[in-house]
PDB file of N, CA and C in Angstrom:
ATOM      1  N   UNK A   1      -3.617  -5.163  -0.429  1.00  0.00           N
ATOM      2  CA  UNK A   1      -1.940  -5.098  -0.318  1.00  0.00           C
ATOM      3  C   UNK A   1      -1.378  -3.899   0.668  1.00  0.00           C
ATOM      4  N   UNK A   2      -2.057  -2.795   0.714  1.00  0.00           N
ATOM      5  CA  UNK A   2      -1.567  -1.729   1.629  1.00  0.00           C
ATOM      6  C   UNK A   2      -1.537  -1.981   3.066  1.00  0.00           C
ATOM      7  N   UNK A   3      -2.690  -2.905   3.520  1.00  0.00           N
ATOM      8  CA  UNK A   3      -2.876  -3.225   4.835  1.00  0.00           C
ATOM      9  C   UNK A   3      -1.696  -4.153   5.195  1.00  0.00           C
ATOM     10  N   UNK A   4      -1.273  -5.024   4.291  1.00  0.00           N
ATOM     11  CA  UNK A   4      -0.094  -5.869   4.500  1.00  0.00           C
ATOM     12  C   UNK A   4       1.383  -5.171   4.596  1.00  0.00           C
ATOM     13  N   UNK A   5       1.439  -4.369   3.428  1.00  0.00           N
ATOM     14  CA  UNK A   5       2.540  -3.725   3.290  1.00  0.00           C
ATOM     15  C   UNK A   5       2.944  -2.605   4.439  1.00  0.00           C
ATOM     16  N   UNK A   6       1.627  -1.987   4.903  1.00  0.00           N
ATOM     17  CA  UNK A   6       1.914  -0.973   6.007  1.00  0.00           C
ATOM     18  C   UNK A   6       0.824  -1.323   6.990  1.00  0.00           C
ATOM     19  N   UNK A   7       1.095  -2.275   7.814  1.00  0.00           N
ATOM     20  CA  UNK A   7       0.140  -2.802   8.921  1.00  0.00           C
ATOM     21  C   UNK A   7      -0.121  -1.618   9.968  1.00  0.00           C
ATOM     22  N   UNK A   8      -1.500  -1.573  10.260  1.00  0.00           N
ATOM     23  CA  UNK A   8      -1.821  -0.584  11.217  1.00  0.00           C
ATOM     24  C   UNK A   8      -2.010  -1.076  12.486  1.00  0.00           C
ATOM     25  N   UNK A   9      -1.463  -0.464  13.413  1.00  0.00           N
ATOM     26  CA  UNK A   9      -1.620  -0.931  15.114  1.00  0.00           C
ATOM     27  C   UNK A   9      -0.930  -2.136  15.234  1.00  0.00           C
ATOM     28  N   UNK A  10       0.100  -2.582  14.617  1.00  0.00           N
ATOM     29  CA  UNK A  10       0.788  -3.781  14.680  1.00  0.00           C
ATOM     30  C   UNK A  10       1.829  -3.547  15.948  1.00  0.00           C
ATOM     31  N   UNK A  11       1.363  -3.931  17.151  1.00  0.00           N
ATOM     32  CA  UNK A  11       2.590  -3.946  18.117  1.00  0.00           C
ATOM     33  C   UNK A  11       1.862  -4.610  19.402  1.00  0.00           C
ATOM     34  N   UNK A  12       2.816  -5.114  20.235  1.00  0.00           N
ATOM     35  CA  UNK A  12       2.347  -5.558  21.568  1.00  0.00           C
ATOM     36  C   UNK A  12       2.027  -4.529  22.495  1.00  0.00           C
ATOM     37  N   UNK A  13       0.943  -4.705  22.963  1.00  0.00           N
ATOM     38  CA  UNK A  13       0.427  -3.554  23.969  1.00  0.00           C
ATOM     39  C   UNK A  13       0.674  -3.960  25.448  1.00  0.00           C
ATOM     40  N   UNK A  14       1.799  -3.525  25.973  1.00  0.00           N
ATOM     41  CA  UNK A  14       2.386  -4.100  26.982  1.00  0.00           C
ATOM     42  C   UNK A  14       1.424  -4.073  28.369  1.00  0.00           C
ATOM     43  N   UNK A  15       0.708  -3.046  28.534  1.00  0.00           N
ATOM     44  CA  UNK A  15      -0.233  -2.602  29.683  1.00  0.00           C
ATOM     45  C   UNK A  15      -1.810  -3.025  29.184  1.00  0.00           C
ATOM     46  N   UNK A  16      -1.899  -4.100  28.371  1.00  0.00           N
ATOM     47  CA  UNK A  16      -3.366  -4.311  27.856  1.00  0.00           C
ATOM     48  C   UNK A  16      -4.083  -4.871  28.881  1.00  0.00           C
ATOM     49  N   UNK A  17      -5.424  -4.413  28.856  1.00  0.00           N
ATOM     50  CA  UNK A  17      -6.433  -5.013  29.874  1.00  0.00           C
ATOM     51  C   UNK A  17      -6.761  -6.435  29.471  1.00  0.00           C
ATOM     52  N   UNK A  18      -6.607  -6.747  28.246  1.00  0.00           N
ATOM     53  CA  UNK A  18      -6.865  -8.254  27.919  1.00  0.00           C
ATOM     54  C   UNK A  18      -6.400  -8.508  26.630  1.00  0.00           C
ATOM     55  N   UNK A  19      -6.308  -9.786  26.428  1.00  0.00           N
ATOM     56  CA  UNK A  19      -5.534 -10.369  25.154  1.00  0.00           C
ATOM     57  C   UNK A  19      -6.352 -11.275  24.478  1.00  0.00           C
ATOM     58  N   UNK A  20      -6.665 -11.503  23.222  1.00  0.00           N
ATOM     59  CA  UNK A  20      -7.415 -12.446  22.525  1.00  0.00           C
ATOM     60  C   UNK A  20      -6.267 -13.200  21.845  1.00  0.00           C
ATOM     61  N   UNK A  21      -6.051 -14.491  21.799  1.00  0.00           N
ATOM     62  CA  UNK A  21      -5.214 -15.217  21.370  1.00  0.00           C
ATOM     63  C   UNK A  21      -5.799 -16.376  20.512  1.00  0.00           C
ATOM     64  N   UNK A  22      -5.767 -16.257  19.198  1.00  0.00           N
ATOM     65  CA  UNK A  22      -6.263 -17.531  18.536  1.00  0.00           C
ATOM     66  C   UNK A  22      -5.322 -17.849  17.366  1.00  0.00           C
ATOM     67  N   UNK A  23      -5.591 -19.138  16.843  1.00  0.00           N
ATOM     68  CA  UNK A  23      -4.649 -19.405  15.721  1.00  0.00           C
ATOM     69  C   UNK A  23      -5.413 -20.611  15.060  1.00  0.00           C
ATOM     70  N   UNK A  24      -5.051 -20.905  13.769  1.00  0.00           N
ATOM     71  CA  UNK A  24      -5.635 -21.915  12.912  1.00  0.00           C
ATOM     72  C   UNK A  24      -4.208 -22.776  12.351  1.00  0.00           C
ATOM     73  N   UNK A  25      -4.254 -24.064  12.777  1.00  0.00           N
ATOM     74  CA  UNK A  25      -3.006 -24.808  12.292  1.00  0.00           C
ATOM     75  C   UNK A  25      -3.227 -25.082  10.947  1.00  0.00           C
ATOM     76  N   UNK A  26      -4.382 -25.208  10.288  1.00  0.00           N
ATOM     77  CA  UNK A  26      -4.499 -25.613   8.930  1.00  0.00           C
ATOM     78  C   UNK A  26      -4.012 -24.476   8.132  1.00  0.00           C
ATOM     79  N   UNK A  27      -4.197 -23.149   8.293  1.00  0.00           N
ATOM     80  CA  UNK A  27      -3.479 -22.170   7.534  1.00  0.00           C
ATOM     81  C   UNK A  27      -2.329 -21.612   8.214  1.00  0.00           C
ATOM     82  N   UNK A  28      -1.875 -22.088   9.290  1.00  0.00           N
ATOM     83  CA  UNK A  28      -0.582 -21.558  10.023  1.00  0.00           C
ATOM     84  C   UNK A  28      -0.673 -20.119  10.341  1.00  0.00           C
ATOM     85  N   UNK A  29      -1.889 -19.617  10.642  1.00  0.00           N
ATOM     86  CA  UNK A  29      -1.928 -18.204  11.184  1.00  0.00           C
ATOM     87  C   UNK A  29      -2.241 -18.117  12.691  1.00  0.00           C
ATOM     88  N   UNK A  30      -1.558 -17.253  13.152  1.00  0.00           N
ATOM     89  CA  UNK A  30      -1.859 -16.857  14.769  1.00  0.00           C
ATOM     90  C   UNK A  30      -1.810 -15.307  14.780  1.00  0.00           C
ATOM     91  N   UNK A  31      -3.016 -14.946  15.733  1.00  0.00           N
ATOM     92  CA  UNK A  31      -3.230 -13.590  15.791  1.00  0.00           C
ATOM     93  C   UNK A  31      -3.421 -13.398  17.269  1.00  0.00           C
ATOM     94  N   UNK A  32      -2.876 -12.278  17.863  1.00  0.00           N
ATOM     95  CA  UNK A  32      -2.986 -11.733  19.296  1.00  0.00           C
ATOM     96  C   UNK A  32      -3.669 -10.283  19.105  1.00  0.00           C
ATOM     97  N   UNK A  33      -4.792 -10.144  19.673  1.00  0.00           N
ATOM     98  CA  UNK A  33      -5.317  -8.717  19.839  1.00  0.00           C
ATOM     99  C   UNK A  33      -5.441  -8.398  21.252  1.00  0.00           C
ATOM    100  N   UNK A  34      -4.701  -7.218  21.399  1.00  0.00           N
ATOM    101  CA  UNK A  34      -4.605  -6.570  22.631  1.00  0.00           C
ATOM    102  C   UNK A  34      -5.551  -5.484  22.899  1.00  0.00           C
ATOM    103  N   UNK A  35      -6.227  -5.329  23.878  1.00  0.00           N
ATOM    104  CA  UNK A  35      -7.183  -4.188  24.092  1.00  0.00           C
ATOM    105  C   UNK A  35      -6.984  -3.442  25.340  1.00  0.00           C
ATOM    106  N   UNK A  36      -7.232  -2.249  25.153  1.00  0.00           N
ATOM    107  CA  UNK A  36      -7.212  -1.152  26.556  1.00  0.00           C
ATOM    108  C   UNK A  36      -8.513  -0.724  26.505  1.00  0.00           C
ATOM    109  N   UNK A  37      -9.135  -0.781  27.595  1.00  0.00           N
ATOM    110  CA  UNK A  37     -10.710  -0.322  27.703  1.00  0.00           C
ATOM    111  C   UNK A  37     -10.697   0.794  28.683  1.00  0.00           C
ATOM    112  N   UNK A  38     -11.510   1.977  28.487  1.00  0.00           N
ATOM    113  CA  UNK A  38     -11.847   2.993  29.386  1.00  0.00           C
ATOM    114  C   UNK A  38     -13.425   3.223  29.231  1.00  0.00           C
ATOM    115  N   UNK A  39     -14.088   3.166  30.400  1.00  0.00           N
ATOM    116  CA  UNK A  39     -15.387   3.341  30.373  1.00  0.00           C
ATOM    117  C   UNK A  39     -16.280   2.649  29.179  1.00  0.00           C
ATOM    118  N   UNK A  40     -16.166   1.577  29.102  1.00  0.00           N
ATOM    119  CA  UNK A  40     -16.700   0.476  28.285  1.00  0.00           C
ATOM    120  C   UNK A  40     -16.347   0.711  26.681  1.00  0.00           C
ATOM    121  N   UNK A  41     -15.288   1.678  26.431  1.00  0.00           N
ATOM    122  CA  UNK A  41     -14.878   2.002  25.152  1.00  0.00           C
ATOM    123  C   UNK A  41     -13.602   1.315  24.818  1.00  0.00           C
ATOM    124  N   UNK A  42     -13.491   0.574  23.629  1.00  0.00           N
ATOM    125  CA  UNK A  42     -12.239   0.085  23.099  1.00  0.00           C
ATOM    126  C   UNK A  42     -11.340   1.338  22.740  1.00  0.00           C
ATOM    127  N   UNK A  43     -10.501   1.663  23.778  1.00  0.00           N
ATOM    128  CA  UNK A  43      -9.579   2.853  23.755  1.00  0.00           C
ATOM    129  C   UNK A  43      -8.555   2.653  22.824  1.00  0.00           C
ATOM    130  N   UNK A  44      -7.943   1.387  23.000  1.00  0.00           N
ATOM    131  CA  UNK A  44      -6.880   1.187  22.250  1.00  0.00           C
ATOM    132  C   UNK A  44      -6.843  -0.384  21.821  1.00  0.00           C
ATOM    133  N   UNK A  45      -6.608  -0.625  20.410  1.00  0.00           N
ATOM    134  CA  UNK A  45      -6.752  -2.037  20.071  1.00  0.00           C
ATOM    135  C   UNK A  45      -5.434  -2.073  19.087  1.00  0.00           C
ATOM    136  N   UNK A  46      -4.633  -3.354  19.611  1.00  0.00           N
ATOM    137  CA  UNK A  46      -3.364  -3.399  18.618  1.00  0.00           C
ATOM    138  C   UNK A  46      -3.290  -4.998  18.364  1.00  0.00           C
ATOM    139  N   UNK A  47      -2.404  -5.301  17.657  1.00  0.00           N
ATOM    140  CA  UNK A  47      -2.345  -6.811  17.278  1.00  0.00           C
ATOM    141  C   UNK A  47      -0.865  -7.229  16.963  1.00  0.00           C
ATOM    142  N   UNK A  48      -0.617  -8.566  17.105  1.00  0.00           N
ATOM    143  CA  UNK A  48       0.491  -9.162  16.741  1.00  0.00           C
ATOM    144  C   UNK A  48      -0.051 -10.287  15.714  1.00  0.00           C
ATOM    145  N   UNK A  49       0.610 -10.649  14.695  1.00  0.00           N
ATOM    146  CA  UNK A  49       0.259 -11.781  13.964  1.00  0.00           C
ATOM    147  C   UNK A  49       1.280 -12.362  13.114  1.00  0.00           C
ATOM    148  N   UNK A  50       1.099 -13.686  13.029  1.00  0.00           N
ATOM    149  CA  UNK A  50       2.019 -14.563  12.085  1.00  0.00           C
ATOM    150  C   UNK A  50       1.224 -15.211  11.151  1.00  0.00           C
ATOM    151  N   UNK A  51       1.355 -15.047   9.726  1.00  0.00           N
ATOM    152  CA  UNK A  51       0.711 -15.662   8.794  1.00  0.00           C
ATOM    153  C   UNK A  51       0.791 -14.989   7.596  1.00  0.00           C
ATOM    154  N   UNK A  52      -0.321 -15.358   6.617  1.00  0.00           N
ATOM    155  CA  UNK A  52      -0.312 -14.767   5.287  1.00  0.00           C
ATOM    156  C   UNK A  52      -0.623 -13.308   5.302  1.00  0.00           C
ATOM    157  N   UNK A  53      -0.290 -12.508   4.123  1.00  0.00           N
ATOM    158  CA  UNK A  53      -0.715 -11.227   4.048  1.00  0.00           C
ATOM    159  C   UNK A  53      -2.055 -10.921   4.380  1.00  0.00           C
ATOM    160  N   UNK A  54      -3.057 -11.795   4.000  1.00  0.00           N
ATOM    161  CA  UNK A  54      -4.388 -11.605   4.252  1.00  0.00           C
ATOM    162  C   UNK A  54      -4.732 -11.634   5.809  1.00  0.00           C
ATOM    163  N   UNK A  55      -3.724 -12.551   6.675  1.00  0.00           N
ATOM    164  CA  UNK A  55      -3.937 -12.564   8.026  1.00  0.00           C
ATOM    165  C   UNK A  55      -3.418 -11.080   8.664  1.00  0.00           C
ATOM    166  N   UNK A  56      -2.328 -10.566   8.243  1.00  0.00           N
ATOM    167  CA  UNK A  56      -1.765  -9.473   8.841  1.00  0.00           C
ATOM    168  C   UNK A  56      -2.778  -8.272   8.261  1.00  0.00           C
ATOM    169  N   UNK A  57      -3.403  -8.098   7.070  1.00  0.00           N
ATOM    170  CA  UNK A  57      -4.176  -7.170   6.626  1.00  0.00           C
ATOM    171  C   UNK A  57      -5.548  -7.223   7.342  1.00  0.00           C
ATOM    172  N   UNK A  58      -6.086  -8.494   7.609  1.00  0.00           N
ATOM    173  CA  UNK A  58      -7.466  -8.415   8.304  1.00  0.00           C
ATOM    174  C   UNK A  58      -7.114  -8.052   9.789  1.00  0.00           C
ATOM    175  N   UNK A  59      -6.143  -8.453  10.387  1.00  0.00           N
ATOM    176  CA  UNK A  59      -5.819  -8.023  11.912  1.00  0.00           C
ATOM    177  C   UNK A  59      -5.537  -6.612  11.988  1.00  0.00           C
ATOM    178  N   UNK A  60      -4.866  -5.852  10.953  1.00  0.00           N
ATOM    179  CA  UNK A  60      -4.804  -4.353  10.965  1.00  0.00           C
ATOM    180  C   UNK A  60      -6.072  -3.620  10.813  1.00  0.00           C
ATOM    181  N   UNK A  61      -6.888  -4.033   9.847  1.00  0.00           N
ATOM    182  CA  UNK A  61      -8.104  -3.577   9.513  1.00  0.00           C
ATOM    183  C   UNK A  61      -9.077  -3.675  10.757  1.00  0.00           C
ATOM    184  N   UNK A  62      -9.104  -4.747  11.545  1.00  0.00           N
ATOM    185  CA  UNK A  62      -9.956  -5.019  12.539  1.00  0.00           C
ATOM    186  C   UNK A  62      -9.692  -3.905  13.741  1.00  0.00           C
ATOM    187  N   UNK A  63      -8.271  -3.717  13.858  1.00  0.00           N
ATOM    188  CA  UNK A  63      -7.959  -2.702  14.967  1.00  0.00           C
ATOM    189  C   UNK A  63      -8.570  -1.392  14.576  1.00  0.00           C
ATOM    190  N   UNK A  64      -8.602  -0.886  13.419  1.00  0.00           N
ATOM    191  CA  UNK A  64      -9.265   0.358  13.017  1.00  0.00           C
ATOM    192  C   UNK A  64     -10.835   0.199  13.189  1.00  0.00           C
ATOM    193  N   UNK A  65     -11.413  -0.915  12.822  1.00  0.00           N
ATOM    194  CA  UNK A  65     -12.832  -0.942  12.907  1.00  0.00           C
ATOM    195  C   UNK A  65     -13.283  -0.849  14.545  1.00  0.00           C
ATOM    196  N   UNK A  66     -12.362  -1.606  15.239  1.00  0.00           N
ATOM    197  CA  UNK A  66     -12.807  -1.809  16.803  1.00  0.00           C
ATOM    198  C   UNK A  66     -12.563  -0.500  17.717  1.00  0.00           C
ATOM    199  N   UNK A  67     -11.425   0.087  17.210  1.00  0.00           N
ATOM    200  CA  UNK A  67     -10.942   1.144  18.098  1.00  0.00           C
ATOM    201  C   UNK A  67     -11.976   2.343  18.242  1.00  0.00           C
ATOM    202  N   UNK A  68     -12.353   2.790  19.440  1.00  0.00           N
ATOM    203  CA  UNK A  68     -13.574   3.673  19.662  1.00  0.00           C
ATOM    204  C   UNK A  68     -14.741   3.240  19.933  1.00  0.00           C
ATOM    205  N   UNK A  69     -15.004   1.923  19.597  1.00  0.00           N
ATOM    206  CA  UNK A  69     -16.197   1.228  19.682  1.00  0.00           C
ATOM    207  C   UNK A  69     -16.529   0.761  21.323  1.00  0.00           C
ATOM    208  N   UNK A  70     -17.864   0.476  21.424  1.00  0.00           N
ATOM    209  CA  UNK A  70     -18.109  -0.032  22.913  1.00  0.00           C
ATOM    210  C   UNK A  70     -17.838  -1.437  22.717  1.00  0.00           C
ATOM    211  N   UNK A  71     -17.676  -2.124  23.965  1.00  0.00           N
ATOM    212  CA  UNK A  71     -17.420  -3.497  23.992  1.00  0.00           C
ATOM    213  C   UNK A  71     -18.490  -4.360  23.168  1.00  0.00           C
ATOM    214  N   UNK A  72     -19.845  -3.790  23.409  1.00  0.00           N
ATOM    215  CA  UNK A  72     -20.836  -4.555  22.565  1.00  0.00           C
ATOM    216  C   UNK A  72     -20.707  -4.270  21.175  1.00  0.00           C
ATOM    217  N   UNK A  73     -20.265  -3.098  20.666  1.00  0.00           N
ATOM    218  CA  UNK A  73     -20.035  -2.997  19.259  1.00  0.00           C
ATOM    219  C   UNK A  73     -18.896  -3.838  18.638  1.00  0.00           C
ATOM    220  N   UNK A  74     -17.991  -3.932  19.598  1.00  0.00           N
ATOM    221  CA  UNK A  74     -16.825  -4.710  19.264  1.00  0.00           C
ATOM    222  C   UNK A  74     -17.238  -6.210  19.089  1.00  0.00           C
ATOM    223  N   UNK A  75     -17.953  -6.688  19.786  1.00  0.00           N
ATOM    224  CA  UNK A  75     -18.456  -8.038  19.837  1.00  0.00           C
ATOM    225  C   UNK A  75     -19.302  -8.248  18.465  1.00  0.00           C
ATOM    226  N   UNK A  76     -19.808  -7.324  18.034  1.00  0.00           N
ATOM    227  CA  UNK A  76     -20.672  -7.307  16.859  1.00  0.00           C
ATOM    228  C   UNK A  76     -19.923  -7.324  15.462  1.00  0.00           C
ATOM    229  N   UNK A  77     -18.665  -7.047  15.583  1.00  0.00           N
ATOM    230  CA  UNK A  77     -17.800  -6.951  14.380  1.00  0.00           C
ATOM    231  C   UNK A  77     -17.553  -8.299  13.749  1.00  0.00           C
ATOM    232  N   UNK A  78     -17.916  -8.603  12.563  1.00  0.00           N
ATOM    233  CA  UNK A  78     -17.844 -10.008  12.006  1.00  0.00           C
ATOM    234  C   UNK A  78     -16.686 -10.065  10.978  1.00  0.00           C
ATOM    235  N   UNK A  79     -16.433 -11.239  10.693  1.00  0.00           N
ATOM    236  CA  UNK A  79     -15.384 -11.635   9.654  1.00  0.00           C
ATOM    237  C   UNK A  79     -15.780 -11.077   8.221  1.00  0.00           C
ATOM    238  N   UNK A  80     -17.193 -10.944   7.985  1.00  0.00           N
ATOM    239  CA  UNK A  80     -17.613 -10.258   6.788  1.00  0.00           C
ATOM    240  C   UNK A  80     -17.554  -8.796   6.731  1.00  0.00           C
ATOM    241  N   UNK A  81     -17.631  -8.135   8.077  1.00  0.00           N
ATOM    242  CA  UNK A  81     -17.317  -6.786   8.147  1.00  0.00           C
ATOM    243  C   UNK A  81     -15.899  -6.294   7.760  1.00  0.00           C
ATOM    244  N   UNK A  82     -14.902  -7.168   8.311  1.00  0.00           N
ATOM    245  CA  UNK A  82     -13.644  -6.915   8.172  1.00  0.00           C
ATOM    246  C   UNK A  82     -13.170  -7.126   6.549  1.00  0.00           C
ATOM    247  N   UNK A  83     -13.718  -8.359   6.118  1.00  0.00           N
ATOM    248  CA  UNK A  83     -13.438  -8.684   4.503  1.00  0.00           C
ATOM    249  C   UNK A  83     -14.000  -7.504   3.680  1.00  0.00           C
ATOM    250  N   UNK A  84     -15.187  -6.947   4.102  1.00  0.00           N
ATOM    251  CA  UNK A  84     -15.808  -5.903   3.201  1.00  0.00           C
ATOM    252  C   UNK A  84     -15.113  -4.426   3.376  1.00  0.00           C
ATOM    253  N   UNK A  85     -14.548  -4.173   4.497  1.00  0.00           N
ATOM    254  CA  UNK A  85     -13.878  -3.070   4.760  1.00  0.00           C
ATOM    255  C   UNK A  85     -12.556  -3.209   3.998  1.00  0.00           C
ATOM    256  N   UNK A  86     -11.911  -4.308   3.625  1.00  0.00           N
ATOM    257  CA  UNK A  86     -10.869  -4.434   2.904  1.00  0.00           C
ATOM    258  C   UNK A  86     -11.100  -4.524   1.353  1.00  0.00           C
ATOM    259  N   UNK A  87     -12.170  -4.409   0.884  1.00  0.00           N
ATOM    260  CA  UNK A  87     -12.556  -4.426  -0.291  1.00  0.00           C
ATOM    261  C   UNK A  87     -12.840  -5.788  -1.023  1.00  0.00           C
ATOM    262  N   UNK A  88     -12.948  -6.824   0.003  1.00  0.00           N
ATOM    263  CA  UNK A  88     -13.147  -8.115  -0.404  1.00  0.00           C
ATOM    264  C   UNK A  88     -11.815  -8.851   0.014  1.00  0.00           C
ATOM    265  N   UNK A  89     -12.107 -10.233   0.371  1.00  0.00           N
ATOM    266  CA  UNK A  89     -10.932 -11.140   0.582  1.00  0.00           C
ATOM    267  C   UNK A  89     -11.256 -12.473  -0.121  1.00  0.00           C
ATOM    268  N   UNK A  90     -10.290 -12.976  -0.674  1.00  0.00           N
ATOM    269  CA  UNK A  90     -10.583 -14.297  -1.540  1.00  0.00           C
ATOM    270  C   UNK A  90     -11.205 -15.282  -0.575  1.00  0.00           C
ATOM    271  N   UNK A  91     -12.073 -16.056  -1.119  1.00  0.00           N
ATOM    272  CA  UNK A  91     -12.732 -17.205  -0.232  1.00  0.00           C
ATOM    273  C   UNK A  91     -11.799 -17.949   0.614  1.00  0.00           C
ATOM    274  N   UNK A  92     -10.561 -18.460  -0.220  1.00  0.00           N
ATOM    275  CA  UNK A  92      -9.823 -19.201   0.480  1.00  0.00           C
ATOM    276  C   UNK A  92      -8.951 -18.678   1.593  1.00  0.00           C
ATOM    277  N   UNK A  93      -9.130 -17.206   1.781  1.00  0.00           N
ATOM    278  CA  UNK A  93      -8.337 -16.556   2.769  1.00  0.00           C
ATOM    279  C   UNK A  93      -9.404 -15.928   3.796  1.00  0.00           C
ATOM    280  N   UNK A  94     -10.702 -16.458   3.774  1.00  0.00           N
ATOM    281  CA  UNK A  94     -11.718 -15.844   4.712  1.00  0.00           C
ATOM    282  C   UNK A  94     -11.415 -16.255   6.078  1.00  0.00           C
ATOM    283  N   UNK A  95     -10.709 -17.360   6.353  1.00  0.00           N
ATOM    284  CA  UNK A  95     -10.285 -17.767   7.651  1.00  0.00           C
ATOM    285  C   UNK A  95      -9.538 -16.704   8.293  1.00  0.00           C
ATOM    286  N   UNK A  96      -8.593 -15.955   7.572  1.00  0.00           N
ATOM    287  CA  UNK A  96      -7.922 -14.951   8.045  1.00  0.00           C
ATOM    288  C   UNK A  96      -8.890 -13.948   8.832  1.00  0.00           C
ATOM    289  N   UNK A  97      -9.855 -13.538   8.124  1.00  0.00           N
ATOM    290  CA  UNK A  97     -10.837 -12.557   8.752  1.00  0.00           C
ATOM    291  C   UNK A  97     -11.494 -13.024   9.925  1.00  0.00           C
ATOM    292  N   UNK A  98     -11.749 -14.371   9.866  1.00  0.00           N
ATOM    293  CA  UNK A  98     -12.518 -15.021  10.923  1.00  0.00           C
ATOM    294  C   UNK A  98     -11.557 -15.010  12.177  1.00  0.00           C
ATOM    295  N   UNK A  99     -10.277 -15.434  11.972  1.00  0.00           N
ATOM    296  CA  UNK A  99      -9.515 -15.426  13.126  1.00  0.00           C
ATOM    297  C   UNK A  99      -9.304 -13.972  13.659  1.00  0.00           C
ATOM    298  N   UNK A 100      -9.361 -12.988  12.990  1.00  0.00           N
ATOM    299  CA  UNK A 100      -9.074 -11.532  13.374  1.00  0.00           C
ATOM    300  C   UNK A 100     -10.445 -11.244  14.537  1.00  0.00           C
ATOM    301  N   UNK A 101     -11.560 -11.454  13.791  1.00  0.00           N
ATOM    302  CA  UNK A 101     -12.945 -11.309  14.545  1.00  0.00           C
ATOM    303  C   UNK A 101     -12.866 -12.149  15.939  1.00  0.00           C
ATOM    304  N   UNK A 102     -12.426 -13.236  15.746  1.00  0.00           N
ATOM    305  CA  UNK A 102     -12.406 -14.382  16.697  1.00  0.00           C
ATOM    306  C   UNK A 102     -11.394 -13.612  18.114  1.00  0.00           C
ATOM    307  N   UNK A 103     -10.338 -13.289  17.607  1.00  0.00           N
ATOM    308  CA  UNK A 103      -9.252 -12.865  18.648  1.00  0.00           C
ATOM    309  C   UNK A 103      -9.831 -11.587  19.335  1.00  0.00           C
ATOM    310  N   UNK A 104     -10.401 -10.644  18.469  1.00  0.00           N
ATOM    311  CA  UNK A 104     -11.056  -9.440  19.276  1.00  0.00           C
ATOM    312  C   UNK A 104     -12.195  -9.928  20.198  1.00  0.00           C
ATOM    313  N   UNK A 105     -13.012 -10.866  19.786  1.00  0.00           N
ATOM    314  CA  UNK A 105     -14.186 -11.466  20.640  1.00  0.00           C
ATOM    315  C   UNK A 105     -13.447 -12.236  21.815  1.00  0.00           C
ATOM    316  N   UNK A 106     -12.467 -12.688  21.798  1.00  0.00           N
ATOM    317  CA  UNK A 106     -11.858 -13.527  22.743  1.00  0.00           C
ATOM    318  C   UNK A 106     -11.199 -12.409  23.796  1.00  0.00           C
ATOM    319  N   UNK A 107     -10.730 -11.417  23.345  1.00  0.00           N
ATOM    320  CA  UNK A 107     -10.048 -10.318  24.185  1.00  0.00           C
ATOM    321  C   UNK A 107     -11.244  -9.607  25.148  1.00  0.00           C
ATOM    322  N   UNK A 108     -12.259  -9.360  24.333  1.00  0.00           N
ATOM    323  CA  UNK A 108     -13.319  -8.596  24.902  1.00  0.00           C
ATOM    324  C   UNK A 108     -13.957  -9.574  26.110  1.00  0.00           C
ATOM    325  N   UNK A 109     -14.022 -10.728  25.706  1.00  0.00           N
ATOM    326  CA  UNK A 109     -14.755 -11.661  26.686  1.00  0.00           C
ATOM    327  C   UNK A 109     -13.833 -12.016  28.040  1.00  0.00           C
ATOM    328  N   UNK A 110     -12.464 -11.983  27.675  1.00  0.00           N
ATOM    329  CA  UNK A 110     -11.648 -12.074  28.829  1.00  0.00           C
ATOM    330  C   UNK A 110     -11.593 -10.682  29.593  1.00  0.00           C
ATOM    331  N   UNK A 111     -11.819  -9.652  28.989  1.00  0.00           N
ATOM    332  CA  UNK A 111     -11.914  -8.419  29.815  1.00  0.00           C
ATOM    333  C   UNK A 111     -13.213  -8.413  30.495  1.00  0.00           C
ATOM    334  N   UNK A 112     -14.200  -8.879  29.987  1.00  0.00           N
ATOM    335  CA  UNK A 112     -15.550  -8.876  30.691  1.00  0.00           C
ATOM    336  C   UNK A 112     -15.580  -9.922  31.957  1.00  0.00           C
ATOM    337  N   UNK A 113     -14.857 -11.045  31.695  1.00  0.00           N
ATOM    338  CA  UNK A 113     -14.758 -11.938  32.850  1.00  0.00           C
ATOM    339  C   UNK A 113     -14.005 -11.324  33.908  1.00  0.00           C
ATOM    340  N   UNK A 114     -12.872 -10.591  33.631  1.00  0.00           N
ATOM    341  CA  UNK A 114     -11.997  -9.942  34.656  1.00  0.00           C
ATOM    342  C   UNK A 114     -12.476  -8.710  35.218  1.00  0.00           C
ATOM    343  N   UNK A 115     -13.353  -7.982  34.540  1.00  0.00           N
ATOM    344  CA  UNK A 115     -13.741  -6.624  35.212  1.00  0.00           C
ATOM    345  C   UNK A 115     -15.098  -6.290  35.149  1.00  0.00           C
ATOM    346  N   UNK A 116     -15.938  -6.950  34.517  1.00  0.00           N
ATOM    347  CA  UNK A 116     -17.435  -6.650  34.367  1.00  0.00           C
ATOM    348  C   UNK A 116     -18.056  -7.594  35.430  1.00  0.00           C
ATOM    349  N   UNK A 117     -18.940  -6.944  36.281  1.00  0.00           N
ATOM    350  CA  UNK A 117     -19.410  -7.883  37.277  1.00  0.00           C
ATOM    351  C   UNK A 117     -20.964  -7.681  37.127  1.00  0.00           C
TER     352      UNK A 117
END
């Protein structure tokens, strides 16, 4: 509940290098993850989200897990990593953690497509 009531890094990053935008119409959740990269490191990771408390908590926790990691380490973050670091997520809300990881991966892939040769 703390991550829902006090979301971490919940803001639009205007000068983002890439944005991962994913949603799930079944659970009505949308997440945008913004990344700023320097020397292959996720220097800043923020998010905007619409959805359940689990969606917002998962996205906030994701930003903390990803920030300071290499792009490769960011791609290795899984929905289970997010759920575990929150102390567990109810099975019916696991899609929220999946969306968070998917949004980060989409942002990293967009960055790699644009800047990595």
